[in-house]
Every structure is written in structure tokens, then in C-alpha cells.
């Protein structure tokens, strides 16, 4: 990946605008970022809303989708009892909201680790997929992770090592810290940072 931090910094608005114009899922993503977190917390959601996040995690790639993995995860989540599904979401939300005024560093286990533990109780949901639910629950605090996002953040920050497979909570913490640093440098919120990352990755693929 040849993009430099200075180049990305100079093209933030361009990357965001291009993503808005070209990304096939942008309209529904934008609506979900605005509404899903509140809907989950209010209990005003159905199974399809959770399933949508799971489908989005895989299908946003558009090309190079591992369809066997995607189908396995989607089918596993579709088979979850409604009470189990809502229980996992409530436990995750409670963990995140219990942080309240306390910093994650003030407790033995970070609140989002407890949230990840709750979400990964759902069949088919691993740590990486759980980060998609975390992001839609609180896009100001979290960012979804996948191999593409990891690659871009690593190229533009001091994030070390390749994408871990499987993803772990500790690896996610390292990624999240680097992503927050990148977002501060680019002066963007988490949603705009996501769009920039996707465009930087897309351009790196086009150039190779």
C-alpha cells in the first residue's frame, strides 16, 4: 500500500465524497449508523435488524466474499431463539453502558470485552463479526474490524503485525487504539474514518 498519511490527510473530503457516490451499501449504512444504536437500546428492533448487521459485515466486501463462511454465519444466527438473541444484545448494551463515567482502564476487564463476550455467545458470531455490532451500537467509540481495515490502519499508523486470524479482543484493542489515533490525525469521526479507510483500500487494489 503506497498511500502516505500526508496524502490521505489531504484527500479526506475527496475520499468521503467518493465513498458516498460509489459504495453500494452507503444509503442503508448511513441510516443504520444514525438509528440502529438507539433502536437496540430501546428494544425497538427485530431479528432482521441483527441479521442485517451480520449480512452487512460479509457482503460489504462486494467482491471476494467467502460465501461458505457468510452462509454458515448467517444460517447460525437465523437459527437463534429470539430470547437468546435479545439476551446477548441486552448483555452487550449493559456492559457498554455500565462504563458510564468510568474509563475502561478503571476496571479489570474493559466494558467492550464484556460486550464482545456477550455477542460471541451467539452461534456463528466471532470477535470480528461482534465488532460490527459494537460499531452500530456506538459508532463514536468503536470501529468495525476486518482484514481490509486492519491493512489500511496498519499502513498509516504504528499498528504492528498482520491481521490476526482469528481476531481476539486484545488484537482488536490494538487496532482500535491505532484507528482512534488515525481518526484524530485526520480530524474525522468514526463514520467518516470508515469511509476513508474503504476508499484508501479500494485505491490500493486498483493500483496493484
N, C-alpha and C. Protein backbone atom coordinates (compact mmCIF):
# COMPACT_ATOMS: atom_id res chain seq x y z
N UNK A 1 0.85 -1.19 0.00
CA UNK A 1 0.00 0.00 0.00
C UNK A 1 0.89 1.24 0.00
N UNK A 2 0.74 2.06 -1.06
CA UNK A 2 1.65 3.19 -1.25
C UNK A 2 1.14 4.50 -0.67
N UNK A 3 -0.12 4.57 -0.28
CA UNK A 3 -0.68 5.82 0.24
C UNK A 3 0.05 6.22 1.51
N UNK A 4 0.41 7.51 1.59
CA UNK A 4 1.04 8.02 2.80
C UNK A 4 -0.01 8.73 3.65
N UNK A 5 0.32 8.91 4.91
CA UNK A 5 -0.60 9.59 5.81
C UNK A 5 -0.87 11.01 5.32
N UNK A 6 0.17 11.67 4.84
CA UNK A 6 0.00 13.04 4.35
C UNK A 6 -0.94 13.08 3.16
N UNK A 7 -0.82 12.10 2.27
CA UNK A 7 -1.70 12.05 1.10
C UNK A 7 -3.14 11.81 1.52
N UNK A 8 -3.34 10.88 2.44
CA UNK A 8 -4.70 10.59 2.91
C UNK A 8 -5.28 11.80 3.62
N UNK A 9 -4.48 12.46 4.42
CA UNK A 9 -4.93 13.64 5.15
C UNK A 9 -5.39 14.73 4.20
N UNK A 10 -4.69 14.88 3.07
CA UNK A 10 -5.03 15.92 2.11
C UNK A 10 -6.28 15.59 1.31
N UNK A 11 -6.67 14.32 1.31
CA UNK A 11 -7.78 13.89 0.45
C UNK A 11 -8.97 13.36 1.24
N UNK A 12 -9.07 13.70 2.50
CA UNK A 12 -10.17 13.18 3.33
C UNK A 12 -11.52 13.47 2.72
N UNK A 13 -11.80 14.71 2.40
CA UNK A 13 -13.11 15.07 1.86
C UNK A 13 -13.38 14.36 0.54
N UNK A 14 -12.35 14.24 -0.29
CA UNK A 14 -12.49 13.54 -1.57
C UNK A 14 -12.84 12.07 -1.35
N UNK A 15 -12.15 11.43 -0.42
CA UNK A 15 -12.42 10.02 -0.14
C UNK A 15 -13.85 9.83 0.36
N UNK A 16 -14.28 10.69 1.25
CA UNK A 16 -15.63 10.58 1.81
C UNK A 16 -16.67 10.76 0.71
N UNK A 17 -16.50 11.77 -0.12
CA UNK A 17 -17.46 12.03 -1.20
C UNK A 17 -17.50 10.89 -2.20
N UNK A 18 -16.33 10.35 -2.54
CA UNK A 18 -16.29 9.23 -3.49
C UNK A 18 -16.99 8.01 -2.91
N UNK A 19 -16.77 7.76 -1.62
CA UNK A 19 -17.44 6.62 -0.99
C UNK A 19 -18.95 6.82 -1.06
N UNK A 20 -19.42 8.00 -0.73
CA UNK A 20 -20.85 8.27 -0.74
C UNK A 20 -21.45 8.05 -2.13
N UNK A 21 -20.68 8.37 -3.15
CA UNK A 21 -21.18 8.29 -4.52
C UNK A 21 -21.09 6.88 -5.11
N UNK A 22 -20.18 6.07 -4.60
CA UNK A 22 -19.92 4.79 -5.26
C UNK A 22 -20.21 3.55 -4.43
N UNK A 23 -20.19 3.64 -3.11
CA UNK A 23 -20.37 2.44 -2.28
C UNK A 23 -21.82 1.96 -2.37
N UNK A 24 -22.05 0.71 -2.76
CA UNK A 24 -23.43 0.24 -2.97
C UNK A 24 -24.28 0.22 -1.70
N UNK A 25 -23.65 0.08 -0.53
CA UNK A 25 -24.42 -0.01 0.70
C UNK A 25 -24.48 1.32 1.45
N UNK A 26 -23.94 2.39 0.86
CA UNK A 26 -23.87 3.65 1.60
C UNK A 26 -25.22 4.13 2.14
N UNK A 27 -26.29 4.16 1.35
CA UNK A 27 -27.55 4.70 1.88
C UNK A 27 -28.06 3.96 3.11
N UNK A 28 -28.00 2.61 3.08
CA UNK A 28 -28.50 1.86 4.24
C UNK A 28 -27.51 1.92 5.40
N UNK A 29 -26.23 1.99 5.10
CA UNK A 29 -25.23 2.16 6.16
C UNK A 29 -25.46 3.46 6.91
N UNK A 30 -25.66 4.54 6.15
CA UNK A 30 -25.84 5.85 6.77
C UNK A 30 -27.07 5.86 7.66
N UNK A 31 -28.14 5.23 7.20
CA UNK A 31 -29.36 5.17 8.02
C UNK A 31 -29.12 4.34 9.27
N UNK A 32 -28.41 3.22 9.11
CA UNK A 32 -28.15 2.33 10.25
C UNK A 32 -27.27 3.00 11.29
N UNK A 33 -26.26 3.74 10.84
CA UNK A 33 -25.37 4.45 11.77
C UNK A 33 -26.17 5.44 12.61
N UNK A 34 -27.16 6.07 11.99
CA UNK A 34 -27.97 7.07 12.69
C UNK A 34 -28.99 6.45 13.64
N UNK A 35 -29.49 5.26 13.32
CA UNK A 35 -30.67 4.76 14.03
C UNK A 35 -30.50 3.47 14.81
N UNK A 36 -29.60 2.59 14.40
CA UNK A 36 -29.58 1.26 15.00
C UNK A 36 -29.20 1.27 16.48
N UNK A 37 -28.22 2.09 16.85
CA UNK A 37 -27.81 2.12 18.25
C UNK A 37 -28.96 2.45 19.18
N UNK A 38 -29.73 3.49 18.83
CA UNK A 38 -30.89 3.87 19.65
C UNK A 38 -31.96 2.79 19.64
N UNK A 39 -32.15 2.17 18.47
CA UNK A 39 -33.18 1.13 18.36
C UNK A 39 -32.81 -0.08 19.22
N UNK A 40 -31.55 -0.47 19.19
CA UNK A 40 -31.11 -1.60 20.02
C UNK A 40 -31.31 -1.30 21.50
N UNK A 41 -30.94 -0.08 21.91
CA UNK A 41 -31.06 0.27 23.32
C UNK A 41 -32.52 0.38 23.77
N UNK A 42 -33.38 0.78 22.86
CA UNK A 42 -34.79 0.90 23.21
C UNK A 42 -35.53 -0.43 23.09
N UNK A 43 -34.86 -1.44 22.57
CA UNK A 43 -35.52 -2.71 22.34
C UNK A 43 -36.44 -2.67 21.15
N UNK A 44 -36.32 -1.60 20.35
CA UNK A 44 -37.21 -1.39 19.22
C UNK A 44 -36.56 -1.95 17.95
N UNK A 45 -36.37 -3.25 17.94
CA UNK A 45 -35.75 -3.89 16.79
C UNK A 45 -36.24 -5.33 16.69
N UNK A 46 -36.03 -5.90 15.55
CA UNK A 46 -36.40 -7.29 15.33
C UNK A 46 -35.19 -8.11 14.93
N UNK A 47 -35.41 -9.38 14.78
CA UNK A 47 -34.33 -10.28 14.39
C UNK A 47 -33.64 -9.80 13.11
N UNK A 48 -34.44 -9.30 12.18
CA UNK A 48 -33.86 -8.91 10.89
C UNK A 48 -32.84 -7.78 11.02
N UNK A 49 -33.01 -6.93 12.03
CA UNK A 49 -32.04 -5.85 12.22
C UNK A 49 -30.68 -6.39 12.63
N UNK A 50 -30.68 -7.39 13.50
CA UNK A 50 -29.42 -8.02 13.89
C UNK A 50 -28.85 -8.81 12.72
N UNK A 51 -29.72 -9.54 12.03
CA UNK A 51 -29.26 -10.30 10.86
C UNK A 51 -28.70 -9.38 9.80
N UNK A 52 -29.28 -8.18 9.67
CA UNK A 52 -28.76 -7.24 8.67
C UNK A 52 -27.31 -6.88 8.96
N UNK A 53 -26.98 -6.63 10.22
CA UNK A 53 -25.60 -6.30 10.58
C UNK A 53 -24.66 -7.45 10.22
N UNK A 54 -25.09 -8.68 10.50
CA UNK A 54 -24.27 -9.84 10.18
C UNK A 54 -24.07 -9.95 8.68
N UNK A 55 -25.15 -9.81 7.92
CA UNK A 55 -25.04 -9.88 6.45
C UNK A 55 -24.15 -8.77 5.93
N UNK A 56 -24.35 -7.57 6.49
CA UNK A 56 -23.54 -6.43 6.04
C UNK A 56 -22.07 -6.69 6.24
N UNK A 57 -21.69 -7.28 7.37
CA UNK A 57 -20.27 -7.50 7.66
C UNK A 57 -19.59 -8.24 6.52
N UNK A 58 -20.26 -9.24 5.98
CA UNK A 58 -19.66 -10.02 4.90
C UNK A 58 -19.91 -9.41 3.53
N UNK A 59 -21.12 -8.96 3.27
CA UNK A 59 -21.50 -8.57 1.92
C UNK A 59 -20.98 -7.20 1.51
N UNK A 60 -20.55 -6.38 2.48
CA UNK A 60 -20.00 -5.06 2.14
C UNK A 60 -18.74 -5.18 1.29
N UNK A 61 -18.10 -6.35 1.32
CA UNK A 61 -16.90 -6.55 0.51
C UNK A 61 -17.23 -6.54 -0.98
N UNK A 62 -18.47 -6.85 -1.32
CA UNK A 62 -19.00 -6.88 -2.68
C UNK A 62 -18.32 -8.00 -3.49
N UNK A 63 -17.00 -7.89 -3.66
CA UNK A 63 -16.30 -8.94 -4.37
C UNK A 63 -15.43 -9.70 -3.36
N UNK A 64 -14.91 -10.82 -3.74
CA UNK A 64 -14.02 -11.62 -2.89
C UNK A 64 -14.70 -12.03 -1.59
N UNK A 65 -15.99 -12.31 -1.63
CA UNK A 65 -16.71 -12.76 -0.45
C UNK A 65 -16.49 -14.26 -0.27
N UNK A 66 -16.22 -14.66 0.95
CA UNK A 66 -16.18 -16.09 1.27
C UNK A 66 -17.62 -16.52 1.51
N UNK A 67 -18.27 -17.02 0.47
CA UNK A 67 -19.71 -17.30 0.58
C UNK A 67 -20.00 -18.46 1.52
N UNK A 68 -19.10 -19.42 1.61
CA UNK A 68 -19.32 -20.53 2.54
C UNK A 68 -19.34 -20.02 3.98
N UNK A 69 -18.36 -19.17 4.32
CA UNK A 69 -18.33 -18.60 5.67
C UNK A 69 -19.54 -17.72 5.91
N UNK A 70 -19.86 -16.89 4.92
CA UNK A 70 -21.01 -15.99 5.07
C UNK A 70 -22.29 -16.77 5.33
N UNK A 71 -22.54 -17.79 4.51
CA UNK A 71 -23.77 -18.57 4.68
C UNK A 71 -23.81 -19.29 6.03
N UNK A 72 -22.66 -19.81 6.44
CA UNK A 72 -22.61 -20.54 7.72
C UNK A 72 -22.97 -19.62 8.88
N UNK A 73 -22.41 -18.40 8.88
CA UNK A 73 -22.69 -17.46 9.96
C UNK A 73 -24.13 -16.99 9.91
N UNK A 74 -24.60 -16.62 8.72
CA UNK A 74 -25.98 -16.14 8.59
C UNK A 74 -26.98 -17.20 9.02
N UNK A 75 -26.75 -18.44 8.62
CA UNK A 75 -27.68 -19.51 8.98
C UNK A 75 -27.64 -19.80 10.48
N UNK A 76 -26.45 -19.70 11.08
CA UNK A 76 -26.34 -19.93 12.52
C UNK A 76 -27.12 -18.87 13.29
N UNK A 77 -27.01 -17.61 12.88
CA UNK A 77 -27.72 -16.53 13.57
C UNK A 77 -29.22 -16.65 13.33
N UNK A 78 -29.62 -17.05 12.12
CA UNK A 78 -31.04 -17.20 11.82
C UNK A 78 -31.70 -18.25 12.71
N UNK A 79 -30.90 -19.22 13.18
CA UNK A 79 -31.45 -20.29 13.99
C UNK A 79 -31.50 -19.99 15.48
N UNK A 80 -31.04 -18.81 15.90
CA UNK A 80 -31.01 -18.46 17.32
C UNK A 80 -32.42 -18.13 17.80
N UNK A 81 -32.77 -18.61 18.98
CA UNK A 81 -34.05 -18.27 19.57
C UNK A 81 -34.12 -16.77 19.86
N UNK A 82 -35.27 -16.13 19.65
CA UNK A 82 -35.40 -14.69 19.88
C UNK A 82 -34.95 -14.27 21.28
N UNK A 83 -35.28 -15.06 22.30
CA UNK A 83 -34.90 -14.70 23.67
C UNK A 83 -33.37 -14.70 23.81
N UNK A 84 -32.71 -15.68 23.19
CA UNK A 84 -31.25 -15.75 23.24
C UNK A 84 -30.62 -14.57 22.51
N UNK A 85 -31.19 -14.22 21.37
CA UNK A 85 -30.68 -13.10 20.58
C UNK A 85 -30.79 -11.80 21.36
N UNK A 86 -31.96 -11.55 21.92
CA UNK A 86 -32.16 -10.31 22.67
C UNK A 86 -31.32 -10.30 23.95
N UNK A 87 -31.18 -11.46 24.57
CA UNK A 87 -30.38 -11.53 25.78
C UNK A 87 -28.93 -11.15 25.52
N UNK A 88 -28.38 -11.63 24.42
CA UNK A 88 -26.99 -11.30 24.08
C UNK A 88 -26.84 -9.80 23.82
N UNK A 89 -27.81 -9.22 23.11
CA UNK A 89 -27.75 -7.78 22.83
C UNK A 89 -27.89 -6.98 24.11
N UNK A 90 -28.83 -7.36 24.98
CA UNK A 90 -29.01 -6.63 26.24
C UNK A 90 -27.76 -6.70 27.10
N UNK A 91 -27.14 -7.88 27.16
CA UNK A 91 -25.93 -8.03 27.96
C UNK A 91 -24.80 -7.17 27.40
N UNK A 92 -24.71 -7.12 26.08
CA UNK A 92 -23.67 -6.29 25.45
C UNK A 92 -23.92 -4.81 25.73
N UNK A 93 -25.17 -4.39 25.59
CA UNK A 93 -25.52 -3.00 25.83
C UNK A 93 -25.28 -2.63 27.29
N UNK A 94 -25.69 -3.51 28.19
CA UNK A 94 -25.46 -3.25 29.61
C UNK A 94 -23.98 -3.10 29.91
N UNK A 95 -23.15 -3.95 29.31
CA UNK A 95 -21.71 -3.86 29.54
C UNK A 95 -21.16 -2.54 29.05
N UNK A 96 -21.59 -2.10 27.87
CA UNK A 96 -21.10 -0.83 27.33
C UNK A 96 -21.59 0.35 28.15
N UNK A 97 -22.85 0.32 28.53
CA UNK A 97 -23.43 1.46 29.24
C UNK A 97 -23.01 1.52 30.70
N UNK A 98 -22.63 0.37 31.27
CA UNK A 98 -22.17 0.37 32.66
C UNK A 98 -20.87 1.13 32.81
N UNK A 99 -20.14 1.26 31.70
CA UNK A 99 -18.87 2.00 31.75
C UNK A 99 -19.15 3.42 32.25
N UNK A 100 -20.29 3.98 31.78
CA UNK A 100 -20.72 5.29 32.25
C UNK A 100 -19.60 6.30 32.32
N UNK A 101 -19.42 6.84 33.51
CA UNK A 101 -18.38 7.85 33.70
C UNK A 101 -17.01 7.24 33.91
N UNK A 102 -16.96 5.93 34.14
CA UNK A 102 -15.68 5.27 34.40
C UNK A 102 -14.98 4.95 33.10
N UNK A 103 -13.70 5.11 33.09
CA UNK A 103 -12.90 4.72 31.94
C UNK A 103 -12.73 3.22 31.92
N UNK A 104 -12.57 2.66 30.70
CA UNK A 104 -12.34 1.23 30.58
C UNK A 104 -11.07 0.81 31.33
N UNK A 105 -10.15 1.74 31.52
CA UNK A 105 -8.90 1.41 32.20
C UNK A 105 -9.10 1.32 33.71
N UNK A 106 -10.28 1.74 34.20
CA UNK A 106 -10.54 1.72 35.64
C UNK A 106 -11.08 0.39 36.14
N UNK A 107 -11.36 -0.53 35.22
CA UNK A 107 -11.91 -1.81 35.62
C UNK A 107 -11.00 -2.93 35.13
N UNK A 108 -11.16 -4.09 35.77
CA UNK A 108 -10.28 -5.21 35.45
C UNK A 108 -10.44 -5.66 34.01
N UNK A 109 -11.67 -5.71 33.54
CA UNK A 109 -11.95 -6.11 32.17
C UNK A 109 -12.67 -4.98 31.46
N UNK A 110 -12.16 -4.50 30.33
CA UNK A 110 -12.82 -3.39 29.62
C UNK A 110 -14.27 -3.73 29.30
N UNK A 111 -15.11 -2.71 29.33
CA UNK A 111 -16.54 -2.94 29.10
C UNK A 111 -16.80 -3.55 27.73
N UNK A 112 -16.04 -3.14 26.73
CA UNK A 112 -16.31 -3.69 25.40
C UNK A 112 -15.85 -5.15 25.29
N UNK A 113 -14.92 -5.57 26.14
CA UNK A 113 -14.58 -7.00 26.17
C UNK A 113 -15.76 -7.80 26.70
N UNK A 114 -16.42 -7.28 27.72
CA UNK A 114 -17.60 -7.96 28.25
C UNK A 114 -18.72 -7.98 27.20
N UNK A 115 -18.82 -6.89 26.44
CA UNK A 115 -19.81 -6.84 25.37
C UNK A 115 -19.49 -7.86 24.29
N UNK A 116 -18.22 -7.97 23.93
CA UNK A 116 -17.81 -8.96 22.93
C UNK A 116 -18.09 -10.36 23.43
N UNK A 117 -17.82 -10.62 24.71
CA UNK A 117 -18.12 -11.93 25.29
C UNK A 117 -19.60 -12.26 25.13
N UNK A 118 -20.46 -11.27 25.37
CA UNK A 118 -21.90 -11.49 25.26
C UNK A 118 -22.29 -11.78 23.82
N UNK A 119 -21.76 -11.00 22.90
CA UNK A 119 -22.14 -11.16 21.49
C UNK A 119 -21.63 -12.46 20.90
N UNK A 120 -20.44 -12.89 21.31
CA UNK A 120 -19.88 -14.12 20.76
C UNK A 120 -20.51 -15.38 21.36
N UNK A 121 -21.43 -15.19 22.30
CA UNK A 121 -22.23 -16.34 22.74
C UNK A 121 -23.21 -16.77 21.65
N UNK A 122 -23.51 -15.86 20.75
CA UNK A 122 -24.41 -16.19 19.65
C UNK A 122 -23.71 -17.13 18.68
N UNK A 123 -24.36 -18.19 18.27
CA UNK A 123 -23.74 -19.12 17.33
C UNK A 123 -23.30 -18.41 16.05
N UNK A 124 -22.08 -18.69 15.62
CA UNK A 124 -21.58 -18.12 14.38
C UNK A 124 -20.90 -16.77 14.51
N UNK A 125 -21.11 -16.10 15.64
CA UNK A 125 -20.55 -14.75 15.81
C UNK A 125 -19.19 -14.86 16.50
N UNK A 126 -18.14 -14.49 15.77
CA UNK A 126 -16.80 -14.44 16.37
C UNK A 126 -16.47 -13.01 16.74
N UNK A 127 -15.26 -12.77 17.19
CA UNK A 127 -14.89 -11.42 17.65
C UNK A 127 -14.98 -10.40 16.52
N UNK A 128 -14.53 -10.78 15.33
CA UNK A 128 -14.56 -9.83 14.21
C UNK A 128 -15.99 -9.42 13.88
N UNK A 129 -16.88 -10.39 13.78
CA UNK A 129 -18.29 -10.08 13.49
C UNK A 129 -18.90 -9.28 14.63
N UNK A 130 -18.52 -9.60 15.86
CA UNK A 130 -19.04 -8.85 17.01
C UNK A 130 -18.67 -7.38 16.93
N UNK A 131 -17.51 -7.06 16.34
CA UNK A 131 -17.13 -5.64 16.24
C UNK A 131 -18.06 -4.86 15.32
N UNK A 132 -18.71 -5.55 14.39
CA UNK A 132 -19.70 -4.86 13.55
C UNK A 132 -20.89 -4.43 14.40
N UNK A 133 -21.34 -5.31 15.28
CA UNK A 133 -22.44 -4.96 16.18
C UNK A 133 -22.02 -3.86 17.15
N UNK A 134 -20.77 -3.93 17.66
CA UNK A 134 -20.26 -2.87 18.53
C UNK A 134 -20.30 -1.52 17.81
N UNK A 135 -19.88 -1.52 16.56
CA UNK A 135 -19.81 -0.26 15.82
C UNK A 135 -21.18 0.36 15.65
N UNK A 136 -22.16 -0.45 15.28
CA UNK A 136 -23.51 0.11 15.11
C UNK A 136 -24.14 0.46 16.45
N UNK A 137 -23.73 -0.21 17.52
CA UNK A 137 -24.22 0.16 18.84
C UNK A 137 -23.68 1.50 19.28
N UNK A 138 -22.42 1.78 18.97
CA UNK A 138 -21.79 3.02 19.42
C UNK A 138 -20.68 3.43 18.45
N UNK A 139 -21.05 4.02 17.31
CA UNK A 139 -20.06 4.35 16.28
C UNK A 139 -19.06 5.42 16.69
N UNK A 140 -19.34 6.13 17.78
CA UNK A 140 -18.38 7.13 18.24
C UNK A 140 -17.25 6.51 19.05
N UNK A 141 -17.46 5.30 19.57
CA UNK A 141 -16.45 4.67 20.41
C UNK A 141 -15.72 3.52 19.73
N UNK A 142 -16.40 2.89 18.77
CA UNK A 142 -15.84 1.68 18.19
C UNK A 142 -15.76 1.76 16.68
N UNK A 143 -15.05 0.81 16.09
CA UNK A 143 -14.93 0.72 14.64
C UNK A 143 -14.87 -0.75 14.27
N UNK A 144 -15.62 -1.11 13.25
CA UNK A 144 -15.60 -2.50 12.80
C UNK A 144 -14.19 -2.85 12.31
N UNK A 145 -13.83 -4.12 12.47
CA UNK A 145 -12.52 -4.56 12.01
C UNK A 145 -12.67 -5.74 11.06
N UNK A 146 -11.85 -5.74 10.04
CA UNK A 146 -11.71 -6.84 9.10
C UNK A 146 -10.31 -6.75 8.53
N UNK A 147 -9.96 -7.67 7.66
CA UNK A 147 -8.60 -7.65 7.14
C UNK A 147 -8.30 -6.37 6.36
N UNK A 148 -9.30 -5.83 5.67
CA UNK A 148 -9.07 -4.61 4.88
C UNK A 148 -8.81 -3.42 5.80
N UNK A 149 -9.68 -3.26 6.79
CA UNK A 149 -9.50 -2.14 7.70
C UNK A 149 -8.16 -2.24 8.43
N UNK A 150 -7.82 -3.43 8.86
CA UNK A 150 -6.55 -3.64 9.56
C UNK A 150 -5.38 -3.24 8.67
N UNK A 151 -5.42 -3.66 7.42
CA UNK A 151 -4.31 -3.38 6.49
C UNK A 151 -4.10 -1.88 6.31
N UNK A 152 -5.19 -1.14 6.15
CA UNK A 152 -5.07 0.31 5.94
C UNK A 152 -4.58 1.01 7.20
N UNK A 153 -5.18 0.67 8.33
CA UNK A 153 -4.78 1.30 9.58
C UNK A 153 -3.31 0.99 9.89
N UNK A 154 -2.89 -0.24 9.65
CA UNK A 154 -1.50 -0.62 9.89
C UNK A 154 -0.55 0.16 8.99
N UNK A 155 -0.96 0.41 7.75
CA UNK A 155 -0.09 1.13 6.82
C UNK A 155 0.08 2.60 7.19
N UNK A 156 -0.91 3.15 7.91
CA UNK A 156 -0.91 4.58 8.21
C UNK A 156 -0.58 4.90 9.66
N UNK A 157 -0.37 3.86 10.48
CA UNK A 157 -0.08 4.07 11.90
C UNK A 157 1.05 3.13 12.32
N UNK A 158 1.25 3.04 13.62
CA UNK A 158 2.29 2.14 14.13
C UNK A 158 1.71 0.78 14.54
N UNK A 159 0.51 0.45 14.05
CA UNK A 159 -0.08 -0.86 14.31
C UNK A 159 0.82 -1.93 13.68
N UNK A 160 1.23 -2.87 14.48
CA UNK A 160 2.19 -3.86 14.02
C UNK A 160 1.51 -5.21 13.76
N UNK A 161 2.22 -6.06 13.04
CA UNK A 161 1.78 -7.42 12.73
C UNK A 161 0.67 -7.42 11.68
N UNK A 162 0.49 -8.61 11.10
CA UNK A 162 -0.58 -8.76 10.12
C UNK A 162 -1.92 -9.00 10.80
N UNK A 163 -2.94 -9.09 9.98
CA UNK A 163 -4.29 -9.30 10.51
C UNK A 163 -4.35 -10.64 11.23
N UNK A 164 -4.76 -10.64 12.49
CA UNK A 164 -4.79 -11.90 13.25
C UNK A 164 -6.00 -12.75 12.86
N UNK A 165 -5.77 -14.01 12.69
CA UNK A 165 -6.85 -14.92 12.35
C UNK A 165 -6.75 -16.14 13.27
N UNK A 166 -7.60 -16.23 14.28
CA UNK A 166 -8.80 -15.42 14.47
C UNK A 166 -8.50 -14.11 15.19
N UNK A 167 -9.41 -13.16 15.01
CA UNK A 167 -9.33 -11.91 15.75
C UNK A 167 -9.57 -12.19 17.23
N UNK A 168 -8.88 -11.44 18.09
CA UNK A 168 -9.04 -11.57 19.53
C UNK A 168 -9.38 -10.19 20.11
N UNK A 169 -9.95 -10.15 21.31
CA UNK A 169 -10.23 -8.85 21.93
C UNK A 169 -8.96 -8.01 22.11
N UNK A 170 -7.85 -8.63 22.48
CA UNK A 170 -6.62 -7.86 22.66
C UNK A 170 -6.11 -7.29 21.35
N UNK A 171 -6.20 -8.08 20.28
CA UNK A 171 -5.79 -7.58 18.97
C UNK A 171 -6.72 -6.44 18.53
N UNK A 172 -8.01 -6.60 18.81
CA UNK A 172 -8.96 -5.53 18.47
C UNK A 172 -8.61 -4.26 19.22
N UNK A 173 -8.18 -4.37 20.47
CA UNK A 173 -7.80 -3.19 21.24
C UNK A 173 -6.64 -2.45 20.57
N UNK A 174 -5.66 -3.21 20.08
CA UNK A 174 -4.52 -2.57 19.42
C UNK A 174 -4.96 -1.87 18.14
N UNK A 175 -5.81 -2.52 17.39
CA UNK A 175 -6.36 -1.92 16.18
C UNK A 175 -7.17 -0.67 16.50
N UNK A 176 -8.03 -0.78 17.52
CA UNK A 176 -8.90 0.34 17.87
C UNK A 176 -8.09 1.54 18.32
N UNK A 177 -7.05 1.32 19.11
CA UNK A 177 -6.21 2.43 19.56
C UNK A 177 -5.55 3.11 18.36
N UNK A 178 -5.06 2.31 17.42
CA UNK A 178 -4.42 2.88 16.24
C UNK A 178 -5.43 3.62 15.37
N UNK A 179 -6.63 3.05 15.23
CA UNK A 179 -7.67 3.69 14.43
C UNK A 179 -8.10 5.02 15.04
N UNK A 180 -8.20 5.07 16.37
CA UNK A 180 -8.57 6.33 17.02
C UNK A 180 -7.50 7.39 16.81
N UNK A 181 -6.25 6.98 16.88
CA UNK A 181 -5.15 7.91 16.62
C UNK A 181 -5.23 8.43 15.19
N UNK A 182 -5.52 7.53 14.25
CA UNK A 182 -5.65 7.94 12.85
C UNK A 182 -6.82 8.89 12.67
N UNK A 183 -7.94 8.59 13.31
CA UNK A 183 -9.10 9.47 13.21
C UNK A 183 -8.82 10.86 13.74
N UNK A 184 -8.07 10.93 14.83
CA UNK A 184 -7.70 12.24 15.39
C UNK A 184 -6.79 12.99 14.43
N UNK A 185 -5.85 12.29 13.82
CA UNK A 185 -4.93 12.93 12.88
C UNK A 185 -5.70 13.47 11.67
N UNK A 186 -6.68 12.71 11.20
CA UNK A 186 -7.45 13.12 10.03
C UNK A 186 -8.61 14.05 10.39
N UNK A 187 -8.87 14.21 11.71
CA UNK A 187 -9.94 15.07 12.21
C UNK A 187 -11.30 14.62 11.66
N UNK A 188 -11.58 13.31 11.82
CA UNK A 188 -12.85 12.75 11.36
C UNK A 188 -13.46 11.91 12.47
N UNK A 189 -14.78 11.76 12.42
CA UNK A 189 -15.44 10.86 13.36
C UNK A 189 -15.33 9.42 12.84
N UNK A 190 -15.86 8.47 13.58
CA UNK A 190 -15.70 7.08 13.21
C UNK A 190 -16.34 6.71 11.88
N UNK A 191 -17.46 7.30 11.57
CA UNK A 191 -18.17 7.01 10.33
C UNK A 191 -17.37 7.51 9.12
N UNK A 192 -16.88 8.74 9.20
CA UNK A 192 -16.06 9.26 8.11
C UNK A 192 -14.73 8.51 8.01
N UNK A 193 -14.18 8.11 9.16
CA UNK A 193 -12.94 7.33 9.13
C UNK A 193 -13.16 6.02 8.38
N UNK A 194 -14.28 5.37 8.65
CA UNK A 194 -14.59 4.13 7.94
C UNK A 194 -14.62 4.36 6.44
N UNK A 195 -15.27 5.43 6.00
CA UNK A 195 -15.36 5.72 4.57
C UNK A 195 -13.98 5.97 3.97
N UNK A 196 -13.17 6.72 4.69
CA UNK A 196 -11.80 6.99 4.20
C UNK A 196 -11.03 5.68 4.07
N UNK A 197 -11.11 4.85 5.08
CA UNK A 197 -10.38 3.58 5.05
C UNK A 197 -10.79 2.74 3.85
N UNK A 198 -12.10 2.67 3.59
CA UNK A 198 -12.56 1.87 2.46
C UNK A 198 -12.05 2.40 1.13
N UNK A 199 -12.00 3.71 0.98
CA UNK A 199 -11.52 4.28 -0.27
C UNK A 199 -10.01 4.11 -0.42
N UNK A 200 -9.27 4.24 0.66
CA UNK A 200 -7.82 4.02 0.59
C UNK A 200 -7.55 2.58 0.18
N UNK A 201 -8.28 1.66 0.75
CA UNK A 201 -8.10 0.26 0.37
C UNK A 201 -8.47 0.04 -1.09
N UNK A 202 -9.60 0.58 -1.53
CA UNK A 202 -10.04 0.40 -2.90
C UNK A 202 -9.01 0.92 -3.90
N UNK A 203 -8.41 2.05 -3.59
CA UNK A 203 -7.40 2.61 -4.48
C UNK A 203 -6.14 1.75 -4.48
N UNK A 204 -5.79 1.16 -3.36
CA UNK A 204 -4.60 0.32 -3.30
C UNK A 204 -4.79 -0.92 -4.14
N UNK A 205 -6.01 -1.45 -4.20
CA UNK A 205 -6.31 -2.63 -5.01
C UNK A 205 -6.27 -2.26 -6.48
N UNK A 206 -6.81 -1.11 -6.82
CA UNK A 206 -6.83 -0.66 -8.22
C UNK A 206 -5.43 -0.46 -8.76
N UNK A 207 -4.54 -0.01 -7.88
CA UNK A 207 -3.17 0.29 -8.32
C UNK A 207 -2.32 -0.95 -8.50
N UNK A 208 -2.74 -2.09 -7.88
CA UNK A 208 -1.91 -3.30 -7.97
C UNK A 208 -2.28 -4.15 -9.17
